[in-house]
Amino acid sequence: MAAAHEVMRERGVRAVTTNAIAERAEIKIGSLYDYFPNKEAVIAELYEEKLAEVRAFLDAGASRIVRASWREQTADLIRGMWTYQLGIGLDRSLVDASYYYEDLLRIARAHSQLFATTFARLLKRLGSSWREDELHDLGISVYTLVNATWSYWRLTESDHPIAIERQIALSLALMVPALDEDDCS
């Protein structure tokens, strides 16, 4: 899986082949096929593993947020999430792959639902009176801002941190009404 990721980073997602993966991993192509039916399966497993790690990070961080300082703590959680996911190798090469491979899109959709559930649970715990389905829908909207950050970076061909700060500002603005507050501190 690491070899596939290296090939994606160097050559782009479209250049990944099972031969390139096997060559980078210094294994025979037959050995690769003993574990994975195709290149998409290799990338899908890598992608799913990284997203599961990010969700565990988010769940742990969200569980520590308290009402009195929810804005600052949520902002710190989002900043920390970016540091964490980039640190574990969840990067644009993997995110871009979800646009090309059906299995990865399925994994991304499942991830978005679990991400939304984390934020819905957080808002409920912080005292939201909104219904579960409303909170989940709001969590999906917060998740789309994560994708907006990736898109900004892709379009600007940079990793400028302003995208994260905008994501934070918009996420907090979306969350305020769910907490029935005009100006929560």
N, C-alpha and C. Protein backbone atom coordinates (compact mmCIF):
# COMPACT_ATOMS: atom_id res chain seq x y z
N MET A 1 0.83 -1.19 0.00
CA MET A 1 0.00 0.00 0.00
C MET A 1 0.87 1.25 0.00
N ALA A 2 1.94 1.21 0.76
CA ALA A 2 2.85 2.36 0.79
C ALA A 2 3.46 2.59 -0.59
N ALA A 3 3.78 1.52 -1.28
CA ALA A 3 4.36 1.65 -2.62
C ALA A 3 3.35 2.29 -3.57
N ALA A 4 2.10 1.91 -3.48
CA ALA A 4 1.06 2.51 -4.32
C ALA A 4 0.95 4.00 -4.04
N HIS A 5 1.02 4.37 -2.77
CA HIS A 5 0.92 5.77 -2.39
C HIS A 5 2.11 6.56 -2.93
N GLU A 6 3.29 5.98 -2.85
CA GLU A 6 4.48 6.65 -3.38
C GLU A 6 4.35 6.89 -4.88
N VAL A 7 3.87 5.88 -5.60
CA VAL A 7 3.69 6.02 -7.05
C VAL A 7 2.67 7.12 -7.35
N MET A 8 1.58 7.15 -6.58
CA MET A 8 0.55 8.18 -6.78
C MET A 8 1.13 9.57 -6.54
N ARG A 9 1.90 9.71 -5.49
CA ARG A 9 2.49 11.02 -5.16
C ARG A 9 3.45 11.49 -6.25
N GLU A 10 4.22 10.57 -6.79
CA GLU A 10 5.22 10.94 -7.79
C GLU A 10 4.64 11.12 -9.19
N ARG A 11 3.73 10.24 -9.55
CA ARG A 11 3.28 10.21 -10.95
C ARG A 11 1.81 10.60 -11.15
N GLY A 12 1.07 10.70 -10.05
CA GLY A 12 -0.36 10.98 -10.16
C GLY A 12 -1.17 9.71 -10.15
N VAL A 13 -2.42 9.85 -9.79
CA VAL A 13 -3.29 8.69 -9.60
C VAL A 13 -3.50 7.91 -10.90
N ARG A 14 -3.54 8.58 -12.01
CA ARG A 14 -3.79 7.89 -13.28
C ARG A 14 -2.60 7.03 -13.72
N ALA A 15 -1.43 7.31 -13.19
CA ALA A 15 -0.24 6.57 -13.58
C ALA A 15 -0.02 5.30 -12.76
N VAL A 16 -0.87 5.08 -11.77
CA VAL A 16 -0.69 3.90 -10.92
C VAL A 16 -1.12 2.65 -11.70
N THR A 17 -0.23 1.68 -11.71
CA THR A 17 -0.53 0.37 -12.28
C THR A 17 -0.08 -0.69 -11.29
N THR A 18 -0.59 -1.88 -11.44
CA THR A 18 -0.13 -2.95 -10.55
C THR A 18 1.35 -3.21 -10.78
N ASN A 19 1.81 -3.09 -12.01
CA ASN A 19 3.24 -3.28 -12.29
C ASN A 19 4.08 -2.22 -11.59
N ALA A 20 3.63 -0.97 -11.62
CA ALA A 20 4.37 0.11 -10.96
C ALA A 20 4.39 -0.09 -9.45
N ILE A 21 3.28 -0.57 -8.90
CA ILE A 21 3.22 -0.83 -7.45
C ILE A 21 4.18 -1.96 -7.09
N ALA A 22 4.12 -3.05 -7.84
CA ALA A 22 4.99 -4.19 -7.56
C ALA A 22 6.47 -3.81 -7.69
N GLU A 23 6.77 -3.04 -8.72
CA GLU A 23 8.15 -2.60 -8.92
C GLU A 23 8.62 -1.75 -7.74
N ARG A 24 7.81 -0.80 -7.32
CA ARG A 24 8.18 0.08 -6.20
C ARG A 24 8.31 -0.72 -4.91
N ALA A 25 7.43 -1.69 -4.71
CA ALA A 25 7.46 -2.51 -3.49
C ALA A 25 8.55 -3.59 -3.54
N GLU A 26 9.17 -3.70 -4.71
CA GLU A 26 10.21 -4.70 -4.93
C GLU A 26 9.69 -6.12 -4.67
N ILE A 27 8.52 -6.37 -5.23
CA ILE A 27 7.91 -7.71 -5.18
C ILE A 27 7.49 -8.11 -6.59
N LYS A 28 7.22 -9.39 -6.75
CA LYS A 28 6.73 -9.88 -8.04
C LYS A 28 5.26 -9.53 -8.17
N ILE A 29 4.85 -9.28 -9.38
CA ILE A 29 3.45 -8.90 -9.64
C ILE A 29 2.49 -9.97 -9.11
N GLY A 30 2.89 -11.24 -9.22
CA GLY A 30 2.05 -12.33 -8.72
C GLY A 30 1.82 -12.23 -7.22
N SER A 31 2.83 -11.79 -6.51
CA SER A 31 2.69 -11.62 -5.06
C SER A 31 1.68 -10.53 -4.74
N LEU A 32 1.67 -9.49 -5.53
CA LEU A 32 0.69 -8.42 -5.33
C LEU A 32 -0.72 -8.98 -5.51
N TYR A 33 -0.88 -9.79 -6.56
CA TYR A 33 -2.20 -10.36 -6.84
C TYR A 33 -2.63 -11.40 -5.81
N ASP A 34 -1.70 -11.90 -5.01
CA ASP A 34 -2.07 -12.81 -3.92
C ASP A 34 -2.91 -12.08 -2.87
N TYR A 35 -2.73 -10.77 -2.76
CA TYR A 35 -3.40 -9.98 -1.73
C TYR A 35 -4.46 -9.02 -2.27
N PHE A 36 -4.27 -8.56 -3.49
CA PHE A 36 -5.18 -7.57 -4.06
C PHE A 36 -5.55 -7.96 -5.49
N PRO A 37 -6.83 -7.86 -5.84
CA PRO A 37 -7.24 -8.23 -7.19
C PRO A 37 -6.83 -7.22 -8.26
N ASN A 38 -6.60 -5.96 -7.85
CA ASN A 38 -6.25 -4.92 -8.81
C ASN A 38 -5.70 -3.69 -8.08
N LYS A 39 -5.28 -2.70 -8.84
CA LYS A 39 -4.70 -1.50 -8.25
C LYS A 39 -5.73 -0.73 -7.42
N GLU A 40 -6.97 -0.73 -7.86
CA GLU A 40 -8.01 -0.01 -7.13
C GLU A 40 -8.17 -0.58 -5.72
N ALA A 41 -8.07 -1.87 -5.57
CA ALA A 41 -8.19 -2.50 -4.25
C ALA A 41 -7.06 -2.09 -3.32
N VAL A 42 -5.86 -1.94 -3.87
CA VAL A 42 -4.72 -1.50 -3.07
C VAL A 42 -4.97 -0.08 -2.56
N ILE A 43 -5.35 0.80 -3.49
CA ILE A 43 -5.58 2.19 -3.14
C ILE A 43 -6.77 2.33 -2.20
N ALA A 44 -7.82 1.54 -2.43
CA ALA A 44 -9.01 1.60 -1.57
C ALA A 44 -8.68 1.21 -0.14
N GLU A 45 -7.88 0.17 0.04
CA GLU A 45 -7.52 -0.24 1.39
C GLU A 45 -6.69 0.84 2.09
N LEU A 46 -5.77 1.43 1.37
CA LEU A 46 -4.95 2.51 1.92
C LEU A 46 -5.83 3.69 2.31
N TYR A 47 -6.72 4.09 1.42
CA TYR A 47 -7.63 5.22 1.65
C TYR A 47 -8.53 4.97 2.86
N GLU A 48 -9.12 3.79 2.90
CA GLU A 48 -10.02 3.45 4.00
C GLU A 48 -9.27 3.45 5.35
N GLU A 49 -8.06 2.94 5.35
CA GLU A 49 -7.25 2.92 6.57
C GLU A 49 -6.97 4.35 7.07
N LYS A 50 -6.60 5.23 6.16
CA LYS A 50 -6.30 6.62 6.55
C LYS A 50 -7.56 7.32 7.08
N LEU A 51 -8.69 7.13 6.41
CA LEU A 51 -9.93 7.77 6.85
C LEU A 51 -10.37 7.25 8.22
N ALA A 52 -10.17 5.97 8.48
CA ALA A 52 -10.52 5.42 9.79
C ALA A 52 -9.66 6.06 10.88
N GLU A 53 -8.39 6.28 10.59
CA GLU A 53 -7.52 6.94 11.56
C GLU A 53 -7.97 8.37 11.82
N VAL A 54 -8.39 9.07 10.78
CA VAL A 54 -8.86 10.45 10.95
C VAL A 54 -10.14 10.47 11.78
N ARG A 55 -11.05 9.54 11.51
CA ARG A 55 -12.30 9.49 12.30
C ARG A 55 -12.02 9.21 13.77
N ALA A 56 -11.09 8.33 14.05
CA ALA A 56 -10.74 8.04 15.45
C ALA A 56 -10.20 9.30 16.11
N PHE A 57 -9.37 10.04 15.39
CA PHE A 57 -8.83 11.30 15.91
C PHE A 57 -9.96 12.28 16.19
N LEU A 58 -10.88 12.42 15.24
CA LEU A 58 -12.01 13.34 15.42
C LEU A 58 -12.92 12.94 16.56
N ASP A 59 -13.23 11.66 16.64
CA ASP A 59 -14.10 11.18 17.73
C ASP A 59 -13.48 11.50 19.09
N ALA A 60 -12.20 11.23 19.23
CA ALA A 60 -11.53 11.49 20.51
C ALA A 60 -11.52 12.99 20.81
N GLY A 61 -11.21 13.80 19.81
CA GLY A 61 -11.17 15.24 20.02
C GLY A 61 -12.53 15.83 20.31
N ALA A 62 -13.54 15.37 19.60
CA ALA A 62 -14.90 15.89 19.80
C ALA A 62 -15.42 15.55 21.18
N SER A 63 -15.01 14.41 21.71
CA SER A 63 -15.49 13.99 23.03
C SER A 63 -14.97 14.90 24.15
N ARG A 64 -13.93 15.67 23.87
CA ARG A 64 -13.34 16.55 24.89
C ARG A 64 -13.85 18.00 24.82
N ILE A 65 -14.63 18.31 23.81
CA ILE A 65 -15.12 19.68 23.66
C ILE A 65 -16.24 19.95 24.67
N VAL A 66 -16.14 21.10 25.33
CA VAL A 66 -17.15 21.50 26.32
C VAL A 66 -17.88 22.76 25.85
N ARG A 67 -19.07 22.92 26.32
CA ARG A 67 -19.94 24.01 25.87
C ARG A 67 -19.31 25.39 26.09
N ALA A 68 -18.69 25.60 27.21
CA ALA A 68 -18.18 26.93 27.57
C ALA A 68 -17.16 27.47 26.56
N SER A 69 -16.41 26.59 25.94
CA SER A 69 -15.39 27.05 24.99
C SER A 69 -15.45 26.25 23.69
N TRP A 70 -16.65 25.90 23.27
CA TRP A 70 -16.82 25.02 22.11
C TRP A 70 -16.24 25.61 20.83
N ARG A 71 -16.34 26.91 20.65
CA ARG A 71 -15.83 27.50 19.41
C ARG A 71 -14.31 27.33 19.29
N GLU A 72 -13.60 27.72 20.34
CA GLU A 72 -12.14 27.61 20.30
C GLU A 72 -11.71 26.16 20.20
N GLN A 73 -12.38 25.30 20.96
CA GLN A 73 -12.01 23.88 20.95
C GLN A 73 -12.33 23.23 19.60
N THR A 74 -13.45 23.61 18.98
CA THR A 74 -13.79 23.07 17.66
C THR A 74 -12.78 23.56 16.63
N ALA A 75 -12.42 24.83 16.70
CA ALA A 75 -11.41 25.37 15.78
C ALA A 75 -10.09 24.62 15.95
N ASP A 76 -9.70 24.39 17.19
CA ASP A 76 -8.46 23.64 17.45
C ASP A 76 -8.56 22.21 16.94
N LEU A 77 -9.74 21.60 17.08
CA LEU A 77 -9.93 20.24 16.59
C LEU A 77 -9.78 20.19 15.07
N ILE A 78 -10.37 21.14 14.38
CA ILE A 78 -10.27 21.14 12.92
C ILE A 78 -8.83 21.39 12.48
N ARG A 79 -8.16 22.34 13.11
CA ARG A 79 -6.73 22.55 12.78
C ARG A 79 -5.92 21.29 13.07
N GLY A 80 -6.20 20.69 14.22
CA GLY A 80 -5.49 19.47 14.59
C GLY A 80 -5.78 18.33 13.63
N MET A 81 -7.01 18.26 13.13
CA MET A 81 -7.37 17.22 12.18
C MET A 81 -6.53 17.34 10.92
N TRP A 82 -6.34 18.57 10.43
CA TRP A 82 -5.52 18.77 9.23
C TRP A 82 -4.07 18.38 9.49
N THR A 83 -3.53 18.79 10.61
CA THR A 83 -2.16 18.42 10.94
C THR A 83 -2.04 16.90 11.02
N TYR A 84 -3.02 16.29 11.68
CA TYR A 84 -3.00 14.84 11.85
C TYR A 84 -3.11 14.12 10.51
N GLN A 85 -4.12 14.47 9.72
CA GLN A 85 -4.32 13.70 8.49
C GLN A 85 -3.18 13.89 7.50
N LEU A 86 -2.63 15.08 7.41
CA LEU A 86 -1.47 15.25 6.54
C LEU A 86 -0.26 14.49 7.10
N GLY A 87 -0.17 14.44 8.43
CA GLY A 87 0.92 13.72 9.08
C GLY A 87 0.88 12.21 8.86
N ILE A 88 -0.31 11.66 8.72
CA ILE A 88 -0.42 10.21 8.48
C ILE A 88 -0.44 9.87 7.00
N GLY A 89 -0.32 10.90 6.16
CA GLY A 89 -0.25 10.64 4.73
C GLY A 89 -1.56 10.73 3.98
N LEU A 90 -2.60 11.23 4.62
CA LEU A 90 -3.83 11.48 3.87
C LEU A 90 -3.61 12.80 3.14
N ASP A 91 -3.31 12.70 1.86
CA ASP A 91 -2.94 13.88 1.09
C ASP A 91 -3.77 13.98 -0.18
N ARG A 92 -3.46 14.97 -0.99
CA ARG A 92 -4.24 15.20 -2.21
C ARG A 92 -4.17 14.03 -3.17
N SER A 93 -3.08 13.31 -3.20
CA SER A 93 -3.00 12.17 -4.12
C SER A 93 -4.07 11.13 -3.78
N LEU A 94 -4.28 10.88 -2.51
CA LEU A 94 -5.32 9.92 -2.10
C LEU A 94 -6.72 10.50 -2.28
N VAL A 95 -6.91 11.74 -1.90
CA VAL A 95 -8.22 12.35 -2.04
C VAL A 95 -8.60 12.43 -3.52
N ASP A 96 -7.66 12.79 -4.37
CA ASP A 96 -7.95 12.86 -5.80
C ASP A 96 -8.33 11.49 -6.36
N ALA A 97 -7.77 10.44 -5.80
CA ALA A 97 -8.09 9.10 -6.29
C ALA A 97 -9.58 8.78 -6.12
N SER A 98 -10.24 9.40 -5.14
CA SER A 98 -11.67 9.11 -4.93
C SER A 98 -12.52 9.61 -6.09
N TYR A 99 -11.97 10.49 -6.92
CA TYR A 99 -12.70 10.96 -8.10
C TYR A 99 -12.58 9.99 -9.27
N TYR A 100 -11.62 9.08 -9.21
CA TYR A 100 -11.35 8.18 -10.31
C TYR A 100 -11.82 6.74 -10.09
N TYR A 101 -11.94 6.35 -8.84
CA TYR A 101 -12.26 4.95 -8.56
C TYR A 101 -13.56 4.82 -7.80
N GLU A 102 -14.44 3.98 -8.30
CA GLU A 102 -15.77 3.78 -7.72
C GLU A 102 -15.71 3.35 -6.26
N ASP A 103 -14.83 2.40 -5.93
CA ASP A 103 -14.73 1.93 -4.55
C ASP A 103 -14.32 3.05 -3.60
N LEU A 104 -13.46 3.93 -4.06
CA LEU A 104 -13.02 5.02 -3.20
C LEU A 104 -14.14 6.03 -2.98
N LEU A 105 -14.97 6.24 -3.98
CA LEU A 105 -16.12 7.13 -3.81
C LEU A 105 -17.08 6.55 -2.78
N ARG A 106 -17.28 5.24 -2.83
CA ARG A 106 -18.13 4.57 -1.84
C ARG A 106 -17.54 4.75 -0.43
N ILE A 107 -16.24 4.61 -0.31
CA ILE A 107 -15.56 4.78 0.97
C ILE A 107 -15.69 6.22 1.45
N ALA A 108 -15.53 7.18 0.54
CA ALA A 108 -15.66 8.60 0.90
C ALA A 108 -17.07 8.91 1.37
N ARG A 109 -18.06 8.34 0.72
CA ARG A 109 -19.46 8.57 1.14
C ARG A 109 -19.69 8.01 2.55
N ALA A 110 -19.21 6.81 2.79
CA ALA A 110 -19.37 6.21 4.13
C ALA A 110 -18.64 7.07 5.17
N HIS A 111 -17.46 7.55 4.83
CA HIS A 111 -16.70 8.41 5.73
C HIS A 111 -17.48 9.68 6.04
N SER A 112 -18.10 10.28 5.03
CA SER A 112 -18.86 11.51 5.25
C SER A 112 -20.00 11.28 6.23
N GLN A 113 -20.64 10.13 6.15
CA GLN A 113 -21.74 9.81 7.07
C GLN A 113 -21.22 9.66 8.50
N LEU A 114 -20.10 9.00 8.66
CA LEU A 114 -19.52 8.82 9.99
C LEU A 114 -19.00 10.14 10.56
N PHE A 115 -18.40 10.96 9.71
CA PHE A 115 -17.96 12.30 10.10
C PHE A 115 -19.16 13.11 10.59
N ALA A 116 -20.24 13.07 9.82
CA ALA A 116 -21.46 13.81 10.18
C ALA A 116 -22.01 13.32 11.51
N THR A 117 -21.96 12.03 11.74
CA THR A 117 -22.45 11.46 13.00
C THR A 117 -21.63 12.00 14.18
N THR A 118 -20.33 12.12 14.01
CA THR A 118 -19.48 12.67 15.07
C THR A 118 -19.91 14.10 15.41
N PHE A 119 -20.13 14.92 14.40
CA PHE A 119 -20.54 16.30 14.65
C PHE A 119 -21.96 16.39 15.20
N ALA A 120 -22.85 15.51 14.76
CA ALA A 120 -24.21 15.49 15.30
C ALA A 120 -24.19 15.12 16.78
N ARG A 121 -23.39 14.11 17.13
CA ARG A 121 -23.25 13.72 18.54
C ARG A 121 -22.68 14.86 19.38
N LEU A 122 -21.69 15.55 18.83
CA LEU A 122 -21.08 16.68 19.53
C LEU A 122 -22.12 17.75 19.80
N LEU A 123 -22.86 18.13 18.79
CA LEU A 123 -23.86 19.20 18.96
C LEU A 123 -24.96 18.79 19.94
N LYS A 124 -25.37 17.54 19.88
CA LYS A 124 -26.39 17.05 20.82
C LYS A 124 -25.84 17.11 22.24
N ARG A 125 -24.60 16.67 22.42
CA ARG A 125 -23.97 16.69 23.74
C ARG A 125 -23.81 18.12 24.26
N LEU A 126 -23.58 19.06 23.35
CA LEU A 126 -23.44 20.46 23.76
C LEU A 126 -24.78 21.13 24.03
N GLY A 127 -25.88 20.39 23.82
CA GLY A 127 -27.19 20.92 24.19
C GLY A 127 -28.11 21.30 23.06
N SER A 128 -27.81 20.92 21.84
CA SER A 128 -28.69 21.26 20.74
C SER A 128 -30.06 20.62 20.91
N SER A 129 -31.08 21.38 20.57
CA SER A 129 -32.45 20.85 20.61
C SER A 129 -32.90 20.36 19.25
N TRP A 130 -32.03 20.43 18.26
CA TRP A 130 -32.39 19.98 16.92
C TRP A 130 -32.58 18.47 16.90
N ARG A 131 -33.40 18.01 15.95
CA ARG A 131 -33.62 16.57 15.76
C ARG A 131 -32.34 15.92 15.23
N GLU A 132 -32.23 14.62 15.45
CA GLU A 132 -31.05 13.86 15.00
C GLU A 132 -30.81 14.02 13.50
N ASP A 133 -31.87 13.92 12.70
CA ASP A 133 -31.69 14.02 11.25
C ASP A 133 -31.23 15.41 10.84
N GLU A 134 -31.67 16.45 11.54
CA GLU A 134 -31.22 17.81 11.25
C GLU A 134 -29.74 17.98 11.61
N LEU A 135 -29.36 17.42 12.74
CA LEU A 135 -27.96 17.51 13.16
C LEU A 135 -27.06 16.73 12.21
N HIS A 136 -27.53 15.58 11.76
CA HIS A 136 -26.74 14.78 10.82
C HIS A 136 -26.57 15.54 9.50
N ASP A 137 -27.64 16.14 9.03
CA ASP A 137 -27.56 16.92 7.81
C ASP A 137 -26.58 18.08 7.96
N LEU A 138 -26.61 18.72 9.11
CA LEU A 138 -25.66 19.79 9.40
C LEU A 138 -24.23 19.25 9.40
N GLY A 139 -24.04 18.06 9.96
CA GLY A 139 -22.72 17.42 9.95
C GLY A 139 -22.23 17.16 8.53
N ILE A 140 -23.12 16.80 7.63
CA ILE A 140 -22.75 16.61 6.23
C ILE A 140 -22.29 17.95 5.64
N SER A 141 -22.99 19.03 5.98
CA SER A 141 -22.58 20.35 5.50
C SER A 141 -21.20 20.72 6.02
N VAL A 142 -20.93 20.42 7.29
CA VAL A 142 -19.60 20.69 7.85
C VAL A 142 -18.56 19.86 7.10
N TYR A 143 -18.92 18.61 6.78
CA TYR A 143 -17.99 17.76 6.04
C TYR A 143 -17.68 18.31 4.65
N THR A 144 -18.67 18.92 4.00
CA THR A 144 -18.41 19.45 2.66
C THR A 144 -17.35 20.54 2.70
N LEU A 145 -17.22 21.19 3.85
CA LEU A 145 -16.18 22.22 3.98
C LEU A 145 -14.78 21.62 4.00
N VAL A 146 -14.67 20.39 4.49
CA VAL A 146 -13.39 19.67 4.41
C VAL A 146 -13.03 19.50 2.93
N ASN A 147 -14.02 19.07 2.15
CA ASN A 147 -13.78 18.89 0.72
C ASN A 147 -13.48 20.21 0.02
N ALA A 148 -14.08 21.29 0.52
CA ALA A 148 -13.80 22.60 -0.06
C ALA A 148 -12.33 22.98 0.16
N THR A 149 -11.79 22.61 1.30
CA THR A 149 -10.37 22.88 1.56
C THR A 149 -9.50 22.11 0.57
N TRP A 150 -9.80 20.81 0.39
CA TRP A 150 -9.04 20.03 -0.59
C TRP A 150 -9.16 20.66 -1.97
N SER A 151 -10.36 21.08 -2.35
CA SER A 151 -10.58 21.68 -3.67
C SER A 151 -9.81 22.98 -3.83
N TYR A 152 -9.82 23.79 -2.78
CA TYR A 152 -9.07 25.05 -2.83
C TYR A 152 -7.59 24.76 -3.08
N TRP A 153 -7.05 23.81 -2.35
CA TRP A 153 -5.64 23.46 -2.51
C TRP A 153 -5.36 22.92 -3.91
N ARG A 154 -6.30 22.11 -4.42
CA ARG A 154 -6.11 21.56 -5.76
C ARG A 154 -6.13 22.68 -6.79
N LEU A 155 -7.08 23.59 -6.68
CA LEU A 155 -7.23 24.66 -7.67
C LEU A 155 -6.12 25.70 -7.59
N THR A 156 -5.62 25.95 -6.40
CA THR A 156 -4.54 26.94 -6.25
C THR A 156 -3.16 26.30 -6.34
N GLU A 157 -3.13 24.98 -6.39
CA GLU A 157 -1.87 24.22 -6.41
C GLU A 157 -0.97 24.62 -5.25
N SER A 158 -1.60 24.76 -4.09
CA SER A 158 -0.87 25.11 -2.87
C SER A 158 -1.53 24.41 -1.69
N ASP A 159 -0.92 24.53 -0.54
CA ASP A 159 -1.51 24.04 0.71
C ASP A 159 -1.65 25.22 1.65
N HIS A 160 -2.10 26.34 1.12
CA HIS A 160 -2.19 27.58 1.90
C HIS A 160 -3.14 27.38 3.09
N PRO A 161 -2.71 27.72 4.30
CA PRO A 161 -3.54 27.49 5.50
C PRO A 161 -4.79 28.37 5.57
N ILE A 162 -4.91 29.38 4.72
CA ILE A 162 -6.12 30.21 4.74
C ILE A 162 -7.36 29.35 4.47
N ALA A 163 -7.19 28.30 3.70
CA ALA A 163 -8.32 27.42 3.40
C ALA A 163 -8.84 26.75 4.67
N ILE A 164 -7.94 26.37 5.56
CA ILE A 164 -8.35 25.76 6.83
C ILE A 164 -9.06 26.79 7.70
N GLU A 165 -8.53 27.99 7.76
CA GLU A 165 -9.16 29.03 8.59
C GLU A 165 -10.55 29.38 8.07
N ARG A 166 -10.72 29.39 6.77
CA ARG A 166 -12.06 29.62 6.19
C ARG A 166 -12.98 28.46 6.52
N GLN A 167 -12.46 27.26 6.44
CA GLN A 167 -13.26 26.08 6.80
C GLN A 167 -13.73 26.20 8.24
N ILE A 168 -12.85 26.61 9.13
CA ILE A 168 -13.20 26.76 10.54
C ILE A 168 -14.29 27.81 10.71
N ALA A 169 -14.10 28.98 10.11
CA ALA A 169 -15.08 30.06 10.25
C ALA A 169 -16.46 29.63 9.75
N LEU A 170 -16.49 28.96 8.62
CA LEU A 170 -17.78 28.52 8.07
C LEU A 170 -18.38 27.39 8.90
N SER A 171 -17.56 26.48 9.38
CA SER A 171 -18.07 25.39 10.23
C SER A 171 -18.71 25.93 11.49
N LEU A 172 -18.04 26.88 12.13
CA LEU A 172 -18.59 27.47 13.36
C LEU A 172 -19.88 28.22 13.06
N ALA A 173 -19.92 28.94 11.95
CA ALA A 173 -21.14 29.67 11.58
C ALA A 173 -22.30 28.71 11.34
N LEU A 174 -22.03 27.56 10.77
CA LEU A 174 -23.08 26.56 10.56
C LEU A 174 -23.56 25.95 11.87
N MET A 175 -22.65 25.81 12.82
CA MET A 175 -22.99 25.14 14.07
C MET A 175 -23.76 26.04 15.06
N VAL A 176 -23.55 27.35 15.01
CA VAL A 176 -24.18 28.27 15.98
C VAL A 176 -25.69 28.09 16.04
N PRO A 177 -26.43 28.10 14.93
CA PRO A 177 -27.89 27.97 15.03
C PRO A 177 -28.34 26.66 15.70
N ALA A 178 -27.56 25.61 15.53
CA ALA A 178 -27.92 24.32 16.13
C ALA A 178 -27.82 24.35 17.64
N LEU A 179 -27.07 25.31 18.15
CA LEU A 179 -26.94 25.44 19.59
C LEU A 179 -27.88 26.52 20.14
N ASP A 180 -28.79 26.97 19.28
CA ASP A 180 -29.82 27.93 19.69
C ASP A 180 -29.22 29.19 20.31
N GLU A 181 -28.15 29.66 19.70
CA GLU A 181 -27.48 30.83 20.24
C GLU A 181 -27.20 31.82 19.12
N ASP A 182 -27.26 33.08 19.46
CA ASP A 182 -26.88 34.12 18.51
C ASP A 182 -25.39 34.38 18.61
N ASP A 183 -24.88 34.37 19.85
CA ASP A 183 -23.46 34.64 20.06
C ASP A 183 -22.96 33.83 21.23
N CYS A 184 -22.61 32.58 20.95
CA CYS A 184 -22.12 31.68 22.00
C CYS A 184 -20.63 31.90 22.22
N SER A 185 -20.21 31.94 23.45
CA SER A 185 -18.77 32.10 23.70
C SER A 185 -18.19 30.87 24.35
